[in-house]
């Protein structure tokens, strides 16, 4: 932190003005975006299941993360796997944030967003791409999903794919439950999974 000597032998800390810092950050973000230097934009969003981290590339929404995933660790992974040119740029995620808010308000039953699925590959990608076919308010067992993607014996692999879904909420892994009807595990925690299923059931 910078200091200022008033000539009386005392140095006082200079506190940066929050509004000025916000303005400078906004300018940096806009200039980086205009120059094609912003590869990953991110923002946070308060929701009934906690603060979600949203991140997007120019191709689309690439990551939704729960607090349980450690947002700082998620950002570090995005920087390593996609690009270190990553900045908080809330405006780039306004549409995604609005649609998620509409979902939690009970006004949206499906998402209409460009998605970047580069963080999922192989069988996991097959599972992730199938999940939107499970309709709003519906549930499917891990076994049913495995059969639907052509590998009925890969029940555990389906569970792993759901646990590593890079876009929870938007890609509805919460609709996948155990064969006995119990809800199973969830990346955002069992309480969050219950909340999402209850929200959709109420509608």
Protein backbone atom coordinates (compact mmCIF):
# COMPACT_ATOMS: atom_id res chain seq x y z
CA UNK A 1 0.00 0.00 0.00
CA UNK A 2 1.33 3.47 -0.85
CA UNK A 3 2.15 5.98 1.92
CA UNK A 4 2.30 9.75 2.08
CA UNK A 5 4.79 11.66 4.25
CA UNK A 6 3.15 14.84 5.61
CA UNK A 7 6.49 16.32 6.73
CA UNK A 8 5.75 15.71 10.38
CA UNK A 9 7.65 12.46 10.45
CA UNK A 10 4.46 10.42 10.16
CA UNK A 11 3.56 8.39 7.11
CA UNK A 12 -0.10 7.76 6.44
CA UNK A 13 -1.47 4.99 4.26
CA UNK A 14 -3.23 5.96 1.05
CA UNK A 15 -6.44 3.98 0.68
CA UNK A 16 -7.44 3.41 -2.94
CA UNK A 17 -10.87 4.75 -3.79
CA UNK A 18 -13.20 1.78 -4.39
CA UNK A 19 -15.11 3.56 -7.15
CA UNK A 20 -11.87 4.44 -8.94
CA UNK A 21 -10.65 0.85 -8.74
CA UNK A 22 -13.98 -0.38 -10.08
CA UNK A 23 -13.77 2.10 -12.96
CA UNK A 24 -10.21 1.08 -13.79
CA UNK A 25 -11.14 -2.60 -13.67
CA UNK A 26 -14.13 -2.01 -15.95
CA UNK A 27 -11.89 -0.15 -18.41
CA UNK A 28 -9.29 -2.91 -18.30
CA UNK A 29 -11.96 -5.53 -18.92
CA UNK A 30 -13.53 -3.59 -21.80
CA UNK A 31 -10.17 -2.95 -23.47
CA UNK A 32 -9.06 -6.57 -23.04
CA UNK A 33 -12.37 -7.75 -24.50
CA UNK A 34 -12.18 -5.35 -27.43
CA UNK A 35 -8.61 -6.44 -28.17
CA UNK A 36 -9.55 -10.11 -28.07
CA UNK A 37 -7.44 -10.66 -24.97
CA UNK A 38 -10.22 -11.83 -22.64
CA UNK A 39 -10.49 -15.59 -23.00
CA UNK A 40 -12.46 -16.35 -19.85
CA UNK A 41 -14.90 -13.96 -18.17
CA UNK A 42 -16.39 -14.71 -14.77
CA UNK A 43 -18.78 -13.39 -12.15
CA UNK A 44 -20.55 -14.60 -9.03
CA UNK A 45 -24.30 -14.93 -8.58
CA UNK A 46 -26.28 -15.22 -5.35
CA UNK A 47 -28.87 -18.01 -5.53
CA UNK A 48 -31.02 -20.02 -3.11
CA UNK A 49 -28.40 -22.80 -3.21
CA UNK A 50 -25.45 -20.53 -2.48
CA UNK A 51 -23.14 -18.24 -4.40
CA UNK A 52 -22.47 -19.69 -7.83
CA UNK A 53 -19.41 -18.89 -9.90
CA UNK A 54 -20.22 -18.45 -13.60
CA UNK A 55 -17.51 -18.45 -16.25
CA UNK A 56 -17.73 -18.11 -20.02
CA UNK A 57 -15.47 -18.17 -23.05
CA UNK A 58 -16.36 -16.51 -26.36
CA UNK A 59 -17.92 -19.89 -27.31
CA UNK A 60 -20.33 -19.93 -24.39
CA UNK A 61 -20.86 -20.72 -20.72
CA UNK A 62 -18.04 -23.03 -19.71
CA UNK A 63 -18.35 -23.41 -15.93
CA UNK A 64 -20.86 -23.14 -13.12
CA UNK A 65 -19.39 -23.87 -9.70
CA UNK A 66 -20.83 -24.25 -6.24
CA UNK A 67 -19.09 -22.85 -3.13
CA UNK A 68 -18.25 -26.45 -2.16
CA UNK A 69 -15.92 -26.60 -5.18
CA UNK A 70 -13.80 -23.63 -3.95
CA UNK A 71 -14.20 -20.80 -6.44
CA UNK A 72 -10.53 -19.79 -6.28
CA UNK A 73 -9.48 -23.34 -7.14
CA UNK A 74 -12.00 -23.41 -10.02
CA UNK A 75 -10.59 -20.16 -11.43
CA UNK A 76 -7.05 -21.52 -11.15
CA UNK A 77 -8.12 -24.64 -13.05
CA UNK A 78 -9.78 -22.55 -15.77
CA UNK A 79 -6.61 -20.48 -16.10
CA UNK A 80 -4.54 -23.66 -16.45
CA UNK A 81 -6.85 -25.61 -18.74
CA UNK A 82 -8.27 -22.84 -20.93
CA UNK A 83 -6.27 -19.61 -20.67
CA UNK A 84 -4.57 -17.39 -18.09
CA UNK A 85 -6.31 -14.42 -19.74
CA UNK A 86 -9.17 -14.51 -17.27
CA UNK A 87 -10.94 -11.54 -15.69
CA UNK A 88 -14.04 -10.71 -13.69
CA UNK A 89 -16.36 -9.37 -16.39
CA UNK A 90 -19.94 -9.56 -15.08
CA UNK A 91 -21.54 -7.98 -18.15
CA UNK A 92 -20.36 -10.87 -20.32
CA UNK A 93 -22.47 -13.18 -18.16
CA UNK A 94 -25.61 -11.05 -17.78
CA UNK A 95 -27.77 -13.34 -19.95
CA UNK A 96 -26.65 -16.49 -18.15
CA UNK A 97 -27.18 -14.86 -14.76
CA UNK A 98 -30.66 -13.66 -15.74
CA UNK A 99 -31.71 -17.09 -16.98
CA UNK A 100 -30.47 -18.78 -13.80
CA UNK A 101 -32.37 -16.23 -11.70
CA UNK A 102 -35.49 -16.91 -13.77
CA UNK A 103 -35.04 -20.63 -13.16
CA UNK A 104 -34.85 -20.17 -9.40
CA UNK A 105 -37.89 -17.88 -9.52
CA UNK A 106 -39.85 -20.67 -11.19
CA UNK A 107 -40.22 -18.79 -14.46
CA UNK A 108 -37.86 -20.86 -16.63
CA UNK A 109 -37.95 -24.58 -17.30
CA UNK A 110 -35.03 -24.84 -19.73
CA UNK A 111 -31.95 -22.80 -20.56
CA UNK A 112 -31.27 -21.18 -23.89
CA UNK A 113 -27.57 -20.44 -23.70
CA UNK A 114 -24.52 -21.18 -25.85
CA UNK A 115 -22.43 -23.73 -23.97
CA UNK A 116 -18.74 -24.51 -24.18
CA UNK A 117 -18.32 -28.18 -23.24
CA UNK A 118 -14.55 -28.39 -23.65
CA UNK A 119 -14.13 -29.41 -20.00
CA UNK A 120 -15.96 -32.69 -20.61
CA UNK A 121 -14.59 -35.39 -22.90
CA UNK A 122 -15.17 -38.99 -23.92
CA UNK A 123 -17.90 -40.91 -22.11
CA UNK A 124 -18.37 -38.08 -19.66
CA UNK A 125 -19.16 -35.75 -22.55
CA UNK A 126 -21.74 -38.24 -23.86
CA UNK A 127 -23.46 -38.26 -20.48
CA UNK A 128 -23.37 -34.46 -20.14
CA UNK A 129 -24.86 -34.01 -23.61
CA UNK A 130 -27.69 -36.43 -22.78
CA UNK A 131 -28.74 -34.86 -19.47
CA UNK A 132 -30.86 -32.00 -20.95
CA UNK A 133 -33.11 -34.71 -22.43
CA UNK A 134 -34.30 -35.41 -18.88
CA UNK A 135 -37.15 -32.91 -18.79
CA UNK A 136 -37.86 -30.29 -16.15
CA UNK A 137 -39.40 -31.92 -13.10
CA UNK A 138 -38.46 -35.41 -14.31
CA UNK A 139 -35.93 -37.86 -12.89
CA UNK A 140 -33.88 -40.66 -14.41
CA UNK A 141 -31.79 -43.33 -12.73
CA UNK A 142 -28.06 -43.66 -13.26
CA UNK A 143 -28.80 -46.98 -14.95
CA UNK A 144 -31.34 -45.44 -17.31
CA UNK A 145 -28.83 -42.76 -18.33
CA UNK A 146 -26.16 -45.39 -18.90
CA UNK A 147 -28.53 -47.32 -21.16
CA UNK A 148 -29.56 -44.15 -22.99
CA UNK A 149 -25.96 -43.36 -23.93
CA UNK A 150 -25.37 -46.90 -25.14
CA UNK A 151 -23.47 -48.46 -22.24
CA UNK A 152 -25.97 -49.96 -19.76
CA UNK A 153 -23.27 -51.43 -17.54
CA UNK A 154 -21.55 -48.06 -17.00
CA UNK A 155 -23.69 -47.01 -14.04
CA UNK A 156 -20.72 -45.95 -11.89
CA UNK A 157 -19.22 -44.01 -14.79
CA UNK A 158 -22.49 -42.11 -15.16
CA UNK A 159 -22.31 -41.21 -11.48
CA UNK A 160 -18.76 -40.00 -11.95
CA UNK A 161 -19.75 -37.96 -15.01
CA UNK A 162 -22.56 -36.29 -13.09
CA UNK A 163 -20.23 -35.54 -10.17
CA UNK A 164 -17.82 -33.84 -12.58
CA UNK A 165 -20.44 -31.97 -14.61
CA UNK A 166 -18.83 -28.58 -15.38
CA UNK A 167 -22.23 -26.87 -15.69
CA UNK A 168 -24.49 -27.97 -12.82
CA UNK A 169 -27.96 -26.38 -12.66
CA UNK A 170 -27.76 -25.45 -16.36
CA UNK A 171 -27.04 -29.05 -17.38
CA UNK A 172 -29.40 -30.92 -15.02
CA UNK A 173 -27.32 -33.65 -13.38
CA UNK A 174 -29.51 -33.07 -10.31
CA UNK A 175 -32.28 -34.99 -12.11
CA UNK A 176 -30.25 -38.20 -12.05
CA UNK A 177 -31.05 -40.33 -9.02
CA UNK A 178 -30.40 -43.84 -7.73
CA UNK A 179 -32.36 -46.80 -9.00
CA UNK A 180 -34.17 -47.14 -5.65
CA UNK A 181 -35.46 -43.58 -5.94
CA UNK A 182 -33.12 -42.00 -3.38
CA UNK A 183 -31.47 -38.87 -4.70
CA UNK A 184 -27.82 -39.87 -4.40
CA UNK A 185 -24.86 -37.52 -4.23
CA UNK A 186 -24.45 -34.10 -5.84
CA UNK A 187 -21.57 -31.72 -6.53
CA UNK A 188 -23.36 -28.90 -4.70
CA UNK A 189 -24.31 -31.11 -1.77
CA UNK A 190 -27.42 -33.12 -0.96
CA UNK A 191 -29.27 -30.06 0.40
CA UNK A 192 -28.80 -28.22 -2.90
CA UNK A 193 -29.96 -31.28 -4.87
CA UNK A 194 -33.09 -31.53 -2.75
CA UNK A 195 -33.72 -27.81 -3.29
CA UNK A 196 -33.51 -28.11 -7.08
CA UNK A 197 -35.72 -31.20 -7.22
CA UNK A 198 -38.26 -29.61 -4.88
CA UNK A 199 -38.28 -26.41 -6.94
CA UNK A 200 -39.07 -28.34 -10.11
CA UNK A 201 -41.61 -30.60 -8.43
CA UNK A 202 -43.49 -27.59 -7.08
CA UNK A 203 -43.84 -26.18 -10.58
